[in-house]
C-alpha cells in the first residue's frame, strides 16, 4: 500500500514539474509531438492539478 501511495505522489509531482518546465506534449524522443505555448492560466491549472493530486493521495 505504501508503495502505491509513493508512486501516486510521484505522478502528482511529475504533473507539477511538467507545468513548470516544458509544458504538455513535450518529448525529447518523439519529434512528431507538437508542443504549444502555455498561458499563465494553463500553468496555474496544471500546478493546481498536481498539488491536488498529491494532497488527495496523502490524505488516503
N, C-alpha and C. Protein backbone atom coordinates (compact mmCIF):
# COMPACT_ATOMS: atom_id res chain seq x y z
N UNK A 1 0.83 -1.20 0.00
CA UNK A 1 0.00 0.00 0.00
C UNK A 1 0.86 1.25 0.00
N UNK A 2 1.93 1.24 0.80
CA UNK A 2 2.79 2.43 0.87
C UNK A 2 3.51 2.67 -0.46
N UNK A 3 3.84 1.59 -1.18
CA UNK A 3 4.47 1.74 -2.49
C UNK A 3 3.53 2.42 -3.47
N UNK A 4 2.26 2.06 -3.41
CA UNK A 4 1.26 2.68 -4.27
C UNK A 4 1.15 4.17 -3.98
N UNK A 5 1.11 4.53 -2.72
CA UNK A 5 1.00 5.94 -2.34
C UNK A 5 2.22 6.71 -2.82
N UNK A 6 3.40 6.14 -2.64
CA UNK A 6 4.62 6.81 -3.09
C UNK A 6 4.59 7.02 -4.60
N UNK A 7 4.16 6.01 -5.35
CA UNK A 7 4.09 6.13 -6.80
C UNK A 7 3.07 7.18 -7.22
N UNK A 8 1.94 7.24 -6.54
CA UNK A 8 0.93 8.25 -6.87
C UNK A 8 1.42 9.66 -6.57
N UNK A 9 2.16 9.81 -5.49
CA UNK A 9 2.73 11.12 -5.17
C UNK A 9 3.74 11.51 -6.24
N UNK A 10 4.53 10.56 -6.72
CA UNK A 10 5.49 10.85 -7.78
C UNK A 10 4.79 11.27 -9.06
N UNK A 11 3.65 10.67 -9.36
CA UNK A 11 2.87 11.07 -10.54
C UNK A 11 2.41 12.51 -10.39
N UNK A 12 1.89 12.85 -9.23
CA UNK A 12 1.47 14.22 -8.99
C UNK A 12 2.62 15.20 -9.10
N UNK A 13 3.79 14.78 -8.64
CA UNK A 13 4.98 15.62 -8.73
C UNK A 13 5.38 15.83 -10.19
N UNK A 14 5.27 14.79 -11.00
CA UNK A 14 5.60 14.91 -12.42
C UNK A 14 4.62 15.85 -13.14
N UNK A 15 3.35 15.79 -12.75
CA UNK A 15 2.36 16.71 -13.34
C UNK A 15 2.76 18.15 -13.04
N UNK A 16 3.15 18.38 -11.81
CA UNK A 16 3.55 19.73 -11.40
C UNK A 16 4.82 20.16 -12.13
N UNK A 17 5.81 19.27 -12.23
CA UNK A 17 7.05 19.62 -12.92
C UNK A 17 6.81 19.89 -14.40
N UNK A 18 5.91 19.12 -15.02
CA UNK A 18 5.60 19.35 -16.43
C UNK A 18 5.04 20.75 -16.64
N UNK A 19 4.23 21.18 -15.71
CA UNK A 19 3.65 22.52 -15.82
C UNK A 19 4.69 23.60 -15.65
N UNK A 20 5.72 23.32 -14.89
CA UNK A 20 6.71 24.35 -14.58
C UNK A 20 7.92 24.32 -15.50
N UNK A 21 8.00 23.33 -16.41
CA UNK A 21 9.16 23.25 -17.30
C UNK A 21 8.75 23.37 -18.75
N UNK A 22 8.54 22.26 -19.42
CA UNK A 22 8.33 22.27 -20.86
C UNK A 22 6.87 22.33 -21.28
N UNK A 23 5.96 22.02 -20.40
CA UNK A 23 4.56 22.05 -20.77
C UNK A 23 4.07 20.72 -21.30
N UNK A 24 2.82 20.70 -21.72
CA UNK A 24 2.18 19.47 -22.17
C UNK A 24 2.69 19.08 -23.55
N UNK A 25 2.90 17.80 -23.77
CA UNK A 25 3.24 17.30 -25.09
C UNK A 25 4.72 17.33 -25.42
N UNK A 26 5.57 17.76 -24.51
CA UNK A 26 7.00 17.83 -24.79
C UNK A 26 7.62 16.45 -24.71
N UNK A 27 8.42 16.12 -25.69
CA UNK A 27 9.13 14.85 -25.66
C UNK A 27 10.46 15.01 -26.39
N UNK A 28 11.55 14.60 -25.77
CA UNK A 28 12.85 14.67 -26.42
C UNK A 28 12.99 13.57 -27.47
N UNK A 29 12.27 12.48 -27.28
CA UNK A 29 12.46 11.31 -28.13
C UNK A 29 11.54 11.28 -29.34
N UNK A 30 10.42 11.93 -29.28
CA UNK A 30 9.45 11.87 -30.37
C UNK A 30 9.30 13.26 -30.99
N UNK A 31 9.85 13.43 -32.17
CA UNK A 31 9.84 14.76 -32.79
C UNK A 31 8.47 15.12 -33.34
N UNK A 32 7.59 14.15 -33.54
CA UNK A 32 6.28 14.47 -34.09
C UNK A 32 5.31 15.02 -33.05
N UNK A 33 5.70 14.97 -31.78
CA UNK A 33 4.83 15.51 -30.74
C UNK A 33 4.87 17.03 -30.83
N UNK A 34 3.72 17.61 -31.02
CA UNK A 34 3.65 19.05 -31.18
C UNK A 34 3.50 19.73 -29.83
N UNK A 35 4.38 20.64 -29.55
CA UNK A 35 4.25 21.42 -28.33
C UNK A 35 3.56 22.72 -28.66
N UNK A 36 2.97 23.31 -27.69
CA UNK A 36 2.31 24.60 -27.90
C UNK A 36 2.57 25.47 -26.69
N UNK A 37 2.60 26.76 -26.91
CA UNK A 37 2.87 27.66 -25.78
C UNK A 37 1.72 27.63 -24.78
N UNK A 38 2.06 27.52 -23.54
CA UNK A 38 1.04 27.50 -22.49
C UNK A 38 0.89 28.90 -21.91
N UNK A 39 -0.32 29.24 -21.59
CA UNK A 39 -0.57 30.53 -20.96
C UNK A 39 -0.36 30.40 -19.46
N UNK A 40 -0.35 31.52 -18.79
CA UNK A 40 -0.22 31.51 -17.33
C UNK A 40 -1.34 30.72 -16.70
N UNK A 41 -2.53 30.80 -17.27
CA UNK A 41 -3.68 30.05 -16.76
C UNK A 41 -3.42 28.55 -16.86
N UNK A 42 -2.86 28.11 -17.98
CA UNK A 42 -2.57 26.69 -18.16
C UNK A 42 -1.57 26.20 -17.12
N UNK A 43 -0.50 26.97 -16.91
CA UNK A 43 0.49 26.59 -15.91
C UNK A 43 -0.14 26.50 -14.53
N UNK A 44 -0.93 27.51 -14.18
CA UNK A 44 -1.58 27.52 -12.87
C UNK A 44 -2.50 26.33 -12.69
N UNK A 45 -3.23 25.98 -13.74
CA UNK A 45 -4.15 24.85 -13.67
C UNK A 45 -3.40 23.54 -13.47
N UNK A 46 -2.29 23.38 -14.17
CA UNK A 46 -1.54 22.13 -14.05
C UNK A 46 -0.85 22.02 -12.70
N UNK A 47 -0.32 23.12 -12.21
CA UNK A 47 0.31 23.10 -10.88
C UNK A 47 -0.74 22.77 -9.83
N UNK A 48 -1.92 23.38 -9.97
CA UNK A 48 -3.01 23.10 -9.03
C UNK A 48 -3.43 21.64 -9.11
N UNK A 49 -3.51 21.09 -10.33
CA UNK A 49 -3.91 19.69 -10.50
C UNK A 49 -2.88 18.76 -9.87
N UNK A 50 -1.61 19.04 -10.07
CA UNK A 50 -0.57 18.20 -9.46
C UNK A 50 -0.60 18.28 -7.95
N UNK A 51 -0.78 19.48 -7.43
CA UNK A 51 -0.82 19.66 -5.98
C UNK A 51 -2.05 18.99 -5.38
N UNK A 52 -3.19 19.12 -6.04
CA UNK A 52 -4.41 18.49 -5.56
C UNK A 52 -4.27 16.97 -5.58
N UNK A 53 -3.66 16.45 -6.64
CA UNK A 53 -3.45 15.01 -6.75
C UNK A 53 -2.61 14.51 -5.57
N UNK A 54 -1.51 15.21 -5.28
CA UNK A 54 -0.65 14.83 -4.15
C UNK A 54 -1.43 14.91 -2.85
N UNK A 55 -2.20 15.98 -2.65
CA UNK A 55 -2.98 16.14 -1.42
C UNK A 55 -3.96 14.99 -1.24
N UNK A 56 -4.67 14.63 -2.31
CA UNK A 56 -5.66 13.55 -2.21
C UNK A 56 -5.00 12.22 -1.88
N UNK A 57 -3.84 11.96 -2.47
CA UNK A 57 -3.15 10.70 -2.20
C UNK A 57 -2.66 10.66 -0.76
N UNK A 58 -2.08 11.75 -0.29
CA UNK A 58 -1.54 11.78 1.07
C UNK A 58 -2.66 11.65 2.10
N UNK A 59 -3.84 12.15 1.77
CA UNK A 59 -4.95 12.10 2.73
C UNK A 59 -5.64 10.74 2.77
N UNK A 60 -5.19 9.77 1.96
CA UNK A 60 -5.80 8.43 1.98
C UNK A 60 -5.59 7.74 3.31
